[in-house]
Protein backbone atom coordinates (compact mmCIF):
# COMPACT_ATOMS: atom_id res chain seq x y z
CA UNK A 1 0.00 0.00 0.00
CA UNK A 2 1.21 3.49 -0.81
CA UNK A 3 1.59 5.77 2.21
CA UNK A 4 -0.26 8.61 0.49
CA UNK A 5 -3.40 6.77 -0.56
CA UNK A 6 -5.35 7.03 2.70
CA UNK A 7 -6.71 3.46 2.55
CA UNK A 8 -6.44 1.88 6.02
CA UNK A 9 -4.59 4.88 7.41
CA UNK A 10 -7.45 5.59 9.82
CA UNK A 11 -5.67 3.19 12.22
CA UNK A 12 -2.51 5.29 12.22
CA UNK A 13 -2.03 7.55 15.25
CA UNK A 14 -0.64 11.07 15.28
CA UNK A 15 2.01 9.95 17.78
CA UNK A 16 3.24 7.17 15.43
CA UNK A 17 2.04 4.22 17.51
CA UNK A 18 -0.71 3.14 15.11
CA UNK A 19 -0.78 0.65 12.27
CA UNK A 20 -0.30 -0.61 9.60
CA UNK A 21 2.74 1.57 8.81
CA UNK A 22 3.43 3.46 12.03
CA UNK A 23 2.97 6.81 10.30
CA UNK A 24 2.94 9.95 12.45
CA UNK A 25 1.64 13.50 12.18
CA UNK A 26 1.31 14.95 8.70
CA UNK A 27 2.68 11.74 7.15
CA UNK A 28 -0.78 10.25 7.75
CA UNK A 29 -2.96 11.08 4.73
CA UNK A 30 -5.68 13.64 5.45
CA UNK A 31 -8.39 11.11 4.58
CA UNK A 32 -7.03 8.75 7.22
CA UNK A 33 -6.81 11.49 9.85
CA UNK A 34 -10.42 12.48 9.17
CA UNK A 35 -11.73 8.92 9.14
CA UNK A 36 -9.90 8.11 12.37
CA UNK A 37 -12.09 10.59 14.24
CA UNK A 38 -15.30 9.49 12.52
CA UNK A 39 -14.50 5.80 13.02
CA UNK A 40 -13.70 6.19 16.72
CA UNK A 41 -16.81 8.31 17.32
CA UNK A 42 -18.97 5.67 15.64
CA UNK A 43 -17.33 2.85 17.58
CA UNK A 44 -17.83 4.64 20.89
CA UNK A 45 -21.51 5.59 20.43
CA UNK A 46 -22.57 2.26 18.95
CA UNK A 47 -23.50 -0.68 21.13
CA UNK A 48 -21.53 -3.83 20.43
CA UNK A 49 -22.03 -7.35 21.78
CA UNK A 50 -18.98 -6.79 23.95
CA UNK A 51 -19.71 -3.23 25.19
CA UNK A 52 -22.43 -0.70 25.87
CA UNK A 53 -22.69 2.43 23.77
CA UNK A 54 -21.29 5.66 25.20
CA UNK A 55 -23.31 8.83 25.15
CA UNK A 56 -22.48 11.49 22.60
CA UNK A 57 -20.90 13.67 25.30
CA UNK A 58 -18.75 10.79 26.57
CA UNK A 59 -17.53 10.02 23.06
CA UNK A 60 -16.69 13.66 22.40
CA UNK A 61 -14.73 13.76 25.68
CA UNK A 62 -12.73 10.67 24.66
CA UNK A 63 -11.85 12.19 21.29
CA UNK A 64 -10.88 15.47 22.94
CA UNK A 65 -8.68 13.61 25.43
CA UNK A 66 -6.73 12.07 22.52
CA UNK A 67 -6.09 15.44 20.84
CA UNK A 68 -2.44 15.48 19.80
CA UNK A 69 -1.81 11.82 20.66
CA UNK A 70 -4.17 9.74 18.56
CA UNK A 71 -5.77 12.55 16.56
CA UNK A 72 -4.62 15.61 14.65
CA UNK A 73 -5.18 18.58 17.03
CA UNK A 74 -6.52 20.85 14.29
CA UNK A 75 -9.01 18.23 13.16
CA UNK A 76 -10.16 17.62 16.74
CA UNK A 77 -10.78 21.35 17.06
CA UNK A 78 -12.88 21.24 13.89
CA UNK A 79 -14.68 18.12 15.12
CA UNK A 80 -15.61 19.92 18.36
CA UNK A 81 -17.15 22.73 16.29
CA UNK A 82 -19.44 20.25 14.49
CA UNK A 83 -19.78 17.53 17.14
CA UNK A 84 -23.49 18.19 17.65
CA UNK A 85 -24.03 17.38 13.97
CA UNK A 86 -22.24 14.03 14.48
CA UNK A 87 -24.70 13.26 17.27
CA UNK A 88 -27.67 14.21 15.10
CA UNK A 89 -26.47 12.02 12.24
CA UNK A 90 -25.82 9.10 14.56
CA UNK A 91 -29.30 9.41 16.11
CA UNK A 92 -30.90 9.60 12.70
CA UNK A 93 -29.25 6.45 11.37
CA UNK A 94 -28.77 4.37 14.55
CA UNK A 95 -32.08 2.59 14.10
CA UNK A 96 -31.13 1.56 10.56
CA UNK A 97 -28.48 -0.89 11.83
C-alpha atoms as a PDB file:
ATOM      1  CA  UNK A   1       0.000   0.000   0.000  1.00  0.00           C
ATOM      2  CA  UNK A   2       1.206   3.492  -0.806  1.00  0.00           C
ATOM      3  CA  UNK A   3       1.593   5.770   2.211  1.00  0.00           C
ATOM      4  CA  UNK A   4      -0.261   8.606   0.491  1.00  0.00           C
ATOM      5  CA  UNK A   5      -3.402   6.770  -0.564  1.00  0.00           C
ATOM      6  CA  UNK A   6      -5.348   7.032   2.699  1.00  0.00           C
ATOM      7  CA  UNK A   7      -6.706   3.462   2.554  1.00  0.00           C
ATOM      8  CA  UNK A   8      -6.443   1.878   6.020  1.00  0.00           C
ATOM      9  CA  UNK A   9      -4.588   4.885   7.407  1.00  0.00           C
ATOM     10  CA  UNK A  10      -7.449   5.589   9.823  1.00  0.00           C
ATOM     11  CA  UNK A  11      -5.672   3.190  12.219  1.00  0.00           C
ATOM     12  CA  UNK A  12      -2.510   5.290  12.221  1.00  0.00           C
ATOM     13  CA  UNK A  13      -2.030   7.552  15.249  1.00  0.00           C
ATOM     14  CA  UNK A  14      -0.639  11.065  15.285  1.00  0.00           C
ATOM     15  CA  UNK A  15       2.012   9.946  17.784  1.00  0.00           C
ATOM     16  CA  UNK A  16       3.237   7.175  15.432  1.00  0.00           C
ATOM     17  CA  UNK A  17       2.044   4.218  17.509  1.00  0.00           C
ATOM     18  CA  UNK A  18      -0.709   3.140  15.112  1.00  0.00           C
ATOM     19  CA  UNK A  19      -0.783   0.645  12.270  1.00  0.00           C
ATOM     20  CA  UNK A  20      -0.296  -0.611   9.599  1.00  0.00           C
ATOM     21  CA  UNK A  21       2.742   1.569   8.807  1.00  0.00           C
ATOM     22  CA  UNK A  22       3.429   3.456  12.033  1.00  0.00           C
ATOM     23  CA  UNK A  23       2.968   6.813  10.304  1.00  0.00           C
ATOM     24  CA  UNK A  24       2.938   9.946  12.448  1.00  0.00           C
ATOM     25  CA  UNK A  25       1.645  13.502  12.180  1.00  0.00           C
ATOM     26  CA  UNK A  26       1.309  14.949   8.702  1.00  0.00           C
ATOM     27  CA  UNK A  27       2.678  11.742   7.146  1.00  0.00           C
ATOM     28  CA  UNK A  28      -0.785  10.253   7.746  1.00  0.00           C
ATOM     29  CA  UNK A  29      -2.959  11.078   4.729  1.00  0.00           C
ATOM     30  CA  UNK A  30      -5.677  13.637   5.453  1.00  0.00           C
ATOM     31  CA  UNK A  31      -8.386  11.113   4.580  1.00  0.00           C
ATOM     32  CA  UNK A  32      -7.028   8.754   7.225  1.00  0.00           C
ATOM     33  CA  UNK A  33      -6.808  11.492   9.852  1.00  0.00           C
ATOM     34  CA  UNK A  34     -10.418  12.482   9.166  1.00  0.00           C
ATOM     35  CA  UNK A  35     -11.725   8.922   9.136  1.00  0.00           C
ATOM     36  CA  UNK A  36      -9.895   8.113  12.374  1.00  0.00           C
ATOM     37  CA  UNK A  37     -12.087  10.594  14.240  1.00  0.00           C
ATOM     38  CA  UNK A  38     -15.300   9.492  12.518  1.00  0.00           C
ATOM     39  CA  UNK A  39     -14.502   5.800  13.023  1.00  0.00           C
ATOM     40  CA  UNK A  40     -13.699   6.190  16.720  1.00  0.00           C
ATOM     41  CA  UNK A  41     -16.807   8.310  17.317  1.00  0.00           C
ATOM     42  CA  UNK A  42     -18.971   5.673  15.639  1.00  0.00           C
ATOM     43  CA  UNK A  43     -17.326   2.850  17.580  1.00  0.00           C
ATOM     44  CA  UNK A  44     -17.835   4.642  20.888  1.00  0.00           C
ATOM     45  CA  UNK A  45     -21.507   5.590  20.435  1.00  0.00           C
ATOM     46  CA  UNK A  46     -22.566   2.258  18.946  1.00  0.00           C
ATOM     47  CA  UNK A  47     -23.501  -0.680  21.127  1.00  0.00           C
ATOM     48  CA  UNK A  48     -21.527  -3.831  20.431  1.00  0.00           C
ATOM     49  CA  UNK A  49     -22.033  -7.348  21.777  1.00  0.00           C
ATOM     50  CA  UNK A  50     -18.976  -6.785  23.951  1.00  0.00           C
ATOM     51  CA  UNK A  51     -19.715  -3.232  25.191  1.00  0.00           C
ATOM     52  CA  UNK A  52     -22.435  -0.703  25.869  1.00  0.00           C
ATOM     53  CA  UNK A  53     -22.687   2.429  23.772  1.00  0.00           C
ATOM     54  CA  UNK A  54     -21.286   5.659  25.196  1.00  0.00           C
ATOM     55  CA  UNK A  55     -23.311   8.830  25.155  1.00  0.00           C
ATOM     56  CA  UNK A  56     -22.482  11.493  22.601  1.00  0.00           C
ATOM     57  CA  UNK A  57     -20.899  13.667  25.300  1.00  0.00           C
ATOM     58  CA  UNK A  58     -18.748  10.787  26.575  1.00  0.00           C
ATOM     59  CA  UNK A  59     -17.530  10.019  23.056  1.00  0.00           C
ATOM     60  CA  UNK A  60     -16.690  13.665  22.403  1.00  0.00           C
ATOM     61  CA  UNK A  61     -14.729  13.756  25.682  1.00  0.00           C
ATOM     62  CA  UNK A  62     -12.726  10.669  24.659  1.00  0.00           C
ATOM     63  CA  UNK A  63     -11.846  12.195  21.291  1.00  0.00           C
ATOM     64  CA  UNK A  64     -10.882  15.474  22.940  1.00  0.00           C
ATOM     65  CA  UNK A  65      -8.682  13.606  25.432  1.00  0.00           C
ATOM     66  CA  UNK A  66      -6.733  12.073  22.519  1.00  0.00           C
ATOM     67  CA  UNK A  67      -6.091  15.439  20.837  1.00  0.00           C
ATOM     68  CA  UNK A  68      -2.438  15.484  19.802  1.00  0.00           C
ATOM     69  CA  UNK A  69      -1.808  11.821  20.657  1.00  0.00           C
ATOM     70  CA  UNK A  70      -4.171   9.743  18.564  1.00  0.00           C
ATOM     71  CA  UNK A  71      -5.771  12.545  16.559  1.00  0.00           C
ATOM     72  CA  UNK A  72      -4.622  15.607  14.646  1.00  0.00           C
ATOM     73  CA  UNK A  73      -5.181  18.575  17.028  1.00  0.00           C
ATOM     74  CA  UNK A  74      -6.518  20.847  14.293  1.00  0.00           C
ATOM     75  CA  UNK A  75      -9.006  18.226  13.160  1.00  0.00           C
ATOM     76  CA  UNK A  76     -10.157  17.622  16.738  1.00  0.00           C
ATOM     77  CA  UNK A  77     -10.776  21.354  17.060  1.00  0.00           C
ATOM     78  CA  UNK A  78     -12.883  21.242  13.886  1.00  0.00           C
ATOM     79  CA  UNK A  79     -14.677  18.125  15.123  1.00  0.00           C
ATOM     80  CA  UNK A  80     -15.608  19.918  18.361  1.00  0.00           C
ATOM     81  CA  UNK A  81     -17.150  22.728  16.292  1.00  0.00           C
ATOM     82  CA  UNK A  82     -19.435  20.253  14.486  1.00  0.00           C
ATOM     83  CA  UNK A  83     -19.779  17.534  17.143  1.00  0.00           C
ATOM     84  CA  UNK A  84     -23.488  18.190  17.646  1.00  0.00           C
ATOM     85  CA  UNK A  85     -24.033  17.378  13.973  1.00  0.00           C
ATOM     86  CA  UNK A  86     -22.244  14.028  14.479  1.00  0.00           C
ATOM     87  CA  UNK A  87     -24.697  13.264  17.266  1.00  0.00           C
ATOM     88  CA  UNK A  88     -27.669  14.206  15.105  1.00  0.00           C
ATOM     89  CA  UNK A  89     -26.473  12.023  12.242  1.00  0.00           C
ATOM     90  CA  UNK A  90     -25.823   9.100  14.559  1.00  0.00           C
ATOM     91  CA  UNK A  91     -29.295   9.412  16.111  1.00  0.00           C
ATOM     92  CA  UNK A  92     -30.899   9.603  12.702  1.00  0.00           C
ATOM     93  CA  UNK A  93     -29.252   6.452  11.366  1.00  0.00           C
ATOM     94  CA  UNK A  94     -28.774   4.374  14.553  1.00  0.00           C
ATOM     95  CA  UNK A  95     -32.079   2.585  14.102  1.00  0.00           C
ATOM     96  CA  UNK A  96     -31.129   1.556  10.564  1.00  0.00           C
ATOM     97  CA  UNK A  97     -28.480  -0.892  11.833  1.00  0.00           C
END
